[in-house]
């Protein structure tokens, strides 16, 4: 199960491998911020608190736009964090602004 917390909504969604957290949020109608879907605007920044092992490794876009400390703490860009295996994942939208 995937639990996504947007600006005001929190929903549990079925995991779909190959989809990003942003894809799943949009599909589930979670109020998730984004502008570009390419990893350059960082509006979809989120904190993964559970299940990071079910996601791909940080992409070059994330390495360019997130500080090393943020990555260590579990921050990802929702448009870049791809579900690679089914499992429990929990993430909350944490935009800079």
C-alpha atoms as a PDB file:
ATOM      1  CA  UNK A   1       0.000   0.000   0.000  1.00  0.00           C
ATOM      2  CA  UNK A   2       1.168   3.530  -0.793  1.00  0.00           C
ATOM      3  CA  UNK A   3       0.215   6.320   1.612  1.00  0.00           C
ATOM      4  CA  UNK A   4       0.581   9.805   0.168  1.00  0.00           C
ATOM      5  CA  UNK A   5      -0.084  13.001   2.088  1.00  0.00           C
ATOM      6  CA  UNK A   6      -0.563  16.096  -0.054  1.00  0.00           C
ATOM      7  CA  UNK A   7      -1.237  19.643   1.089  1.00  0.00           C
ATOM      8  CA  UNK A   8      -4.577  18.777   2.716  1.00  0.00           C
ATOM      9  CA  UNK A   9      -5.403  15.190   1.694  1.00  0.00           C
ATOM     10  CA  UNK A  10      -3.971  11.873   2.814  1.00  0.00           C
ATOM     11  CA  UNK A  11      -4.844   8.758   0.826  1.00  0.00           C
ATOM     12  CA  UNK A  12      -3.894   5.113   0.669  1.00  0.00           C
ATOM     13  CA  UNK A  13      -3.399   3.903  -2.882  1.00  0.00           C
ATOM     14  CA  UNK A  14      -2.606   0.635  -4.582  1.00  0.00           C
ATOM     15  CA  UNK A  15       1.041   0.403  -5.611  1.00  0.00           C
ATOM     16  CA  UNK A  16       1.757   0.423  -9.353  1.00  0.00           C
ATOM     17  CA  UNK A  17       5.346  -0.418 -10.187  1.00  0.00           C
ATOM     18  CA  UNK A  18       6.960   1.762 -12.820  1.00  0.00           C
ATOM     19  CA  UNK A  19       4.986   4.835 -11.737  1.00  0.00           C
ATOM     20  CA  UNK A  20       6.377   7.813  -9.853  1.00  0.00           C
ATOM     21  CA  UNK A  21       4.993   9.032  -6.550  1.00  0.00           C
ATOM     22  CA  UNK A  22       3.699  12.059  -8.451  1.00  0.00           C
ATOM     23  CA  UNK A  23       1.929   9.780 -10.976  1.00  0.00           C
ATOM     24  CA  UNK A  24       0.265   7.903  -8.127  1.00  0.00           C
ATOM     25  CA  UNK A  25      -0.713  11.124  -6.343  1.00  0.00           C
ATOM     26  CA  UNK A  26      -2.325  12.518  -9.488  1.00  0.00           C
ATOM     27  CA  UNK A  27      -4.090   9.242 -10.216  1.00  0.00           C
ATOM     28  CA  UNK A  28      -5.400   9.168  -6.634  1.00  0.00           C
ATOM     29  CA  UNK A  29      -6.425  12.846  -6.727  1.00  0.00           C
ATOM     30  CA  UNK A  30      -4.043  13.773  -3.902  1.00  0.00           C
ATOM     31  CA  UNK A  31      -3.330  17.520  -3.847  1.00  0.00           C
ATOM     32  CA  UNK A  32       0.352  17.192  -4.743  1.00  0.00           C
ATOM     33  CA  UNK A  33       2.275  20.232  -6.002  1.00  0.00           C
ATOM     34  CA  UNK A  34       4.259  20.104  -9.231  1.00  0.00           C
ATOM     35  CA  UNK A  35       5.115  22.258 -12.212  1.00  0.00           C
ATOM     36  CA  UNK A  36       7.516  20.518 -14.533  1.00  0.00           C
ATOM     37  CA  UNK A  37       7.527  16.694 -14.002  1.00  0.00           C
ATOM     38  CA  UNK A  38      11.222  16.694 -15.042  1.00  0.00           C
ATOM     39  CA  UNK A  39      12.873  17.205 -11.662  1.00  0.00           C
ATOM     40  CA  UNK A  40      13.904  20.808 -12.191  1.00  0.00           C
ATOM     41  CA  UNK A  41      11.317  22.858 -10.261  1.00  0.00           C
ATOM     42  CA  UNK A  42      11.422  20.835  -6.986  1.00  0.00           C
ATOM     43  CA  UNK A  43       7.766  21.698  -6.235  1.00  0.00           C
ATOM     44  CA  UNK A  44       6.994  17.984  -5.789  1.00  0.00           C
ATOM     45  CA  UNK A  45       9.652  17.568  -3.056  1.00  0.00           C
ATOM     46  CA  UNK A  46       8.485  15.003  -0.527  1.00  0.00           C
ATOM     47  CA  UNK A  47       9.710  13.159   2.535  1.00  0.00           C
ATOM     48  CA  UNK A  48       9.650   9.367   2.269  1.00  0.00           C
ATOM     49  CA  UNK A  49       9.214   8.059   5.811  1.00  0.00           C
ATOM     50  CA  UNK A  50       8.681   4.399   4.981  1.00  0.00           C
ATOM     51  CA  UNK A  51       9.542   2.056   2.127  1.00  0.00           C
ATOM     52  CA  UNK A  52      12.430   3.870   0.440  1.00  0.00           C
ATOM     53  CA  UNK A  53      13.783   0.438  -0.513  1.00  0.00           C
ATOM     54  CA  UNK A  54      10.803   0.053  -2.873  1.00  0.00           C
ATOM     55  CA  UNK A  55      11.865   3.149  -4.851  1.00  0.00           C
ATOM     56  CA  UNK A  56      14.577   3.656  -7.438  1.00  0.00           C
ATOM     57  CA  UNK A  57      17.848   5.293  -6.438  1.00  0.00           C
ATOM     58  CA  UNK A  58      17.918   9.105  -6.587  1.00  0.00           C
ATOM     59  CA  UNK A  59      18.179  10.342 -10.173  1.00  0.00           C
ATOM     60  CA  UNK A  60      20.649  12.883 -11.550  1.00  0.00           C
ATOM     61  CA  UNK A  61      17.868  15.506 -11.334  1.00  0.00           C
ATOM     62  CA  UNK A  62      17.471  14.792  -7.619  1.00  0.00           C
ATOM     63  CA  UNK A  63      21.230  14.839  -7.047  1.00  0.00           C
ATOM     64  CA  UNK A  64      21.328  18.244  -8.776  1.00  0.00           C
ATOM     65  CA  UNK A  65      18.329  19.755  -6.952  1.00  0.00           C
ATOM     66  CA  UNK A  66      18.416  18.283  -3.447  1.00  0.00           C
ATOM     67  CA  UNK A  67      21.177  18.758  -0.901  1.00  0.00           C
ATOM     68  CA  UNK A  68      23.045  15.612   0.226  1.00  0.00           C
ATOM     69  CA  UNK A  69      21.595  16.117   3.726  1.00  0.00           C
ATOM     70  CA  UNK A  70      18.062  16.153   2.309  1.00  0.00           C
ATOM     71  CA  UNK A  71      18.655  12.881   0.457  1.00  0.00           C
ATOM     72  CA  UNK A  72      20.069  11.315   3.640  1.00  0.00           C
ATOM     73  CA  UNK A  73      16.945  12.404   5.546  1.00  0.00           C
ATOM     74  CA  UNK A  74      14.685  10.727   2.971  1.00  0.00           C
ATOM     75  CA  UNK A  75      13.667  13.654   0.782  1.00  0.00           C
ATOM     76  CA  UNK A  76      12.905  12.853  -2.862  1.00  0.00           C
ATOM     77  CA  UNK A  77      11.279  14.554  -5.824  1.00  0.00           C
ATOM     78  CA  UNK A  78       7.888  12.951  -6.393  1.00  0.00           C
ATOM     79  CA  UNK A  79       8.310  13.119 -10.168  1.00  0.00           C
ATOM     80  CA  UNK A  80      11.603  11.196  -9.984  1.00  0.00           C
ATOM     81  CA  UNK A  81      10.871   8.617  -7.252  1.00  0.00           C
ATOM     82  CA  UNK A  82       9.724   5.529  -9.193  1.00  0.00           C
ATOM     83  CA  UNK A  83       8.116   2.553  -7.474  1.00  0.00           C
ATOM     84  CA  UNK A  84      10.354  -0.373  -8.443  1.00  0.00           C
ATOM     85  CA  UNK A  85       8.715  -3.051  -6.278  1.00  0.00           C
ATOM     86  CA  UNK A  86       5.425  -3.488  -4.473  1.00  0.00           C
ATOM     87  CA  UNK A  87       5.504  -2.764  -0.783  1.00  0.00           C
ATOM     88  CA  UNK A  88       4.531  -0.306   1.897  1.00  0.00           C
ATOM     89  CA  UNK A  89       5.615   3.246   1.038  1.00  0.00           C
ATOM     90  CA  UNK A  90       4.687   6.408   2.896  1.00  0.00           C
ATOM     91  CA  UNK A  91       5.517   9.904   1.661  1.00  0.00           C
ATOM     92  CA  UNK A  92       4.372  13.439   2.477  1.00  0.00           C
ATOM     93  CA  UNK A  93       4.604  16.469   0.231  1.00  0.00           C
ATOM     94  CA  UNK A  94       7.185  18.907   1.645  1.00  0.00           C
ATOM     95  CA  UNK A  95       7.689  21.712  -0.884  1.00  0.00           C
ATOM     96  CA  UNK A  96      10.131  24.523  -0.153  1.00  0.00           C
ATOM     97  CA  UNK A  97       7.368  27.121  -0.564  1.00  0.00           C
END
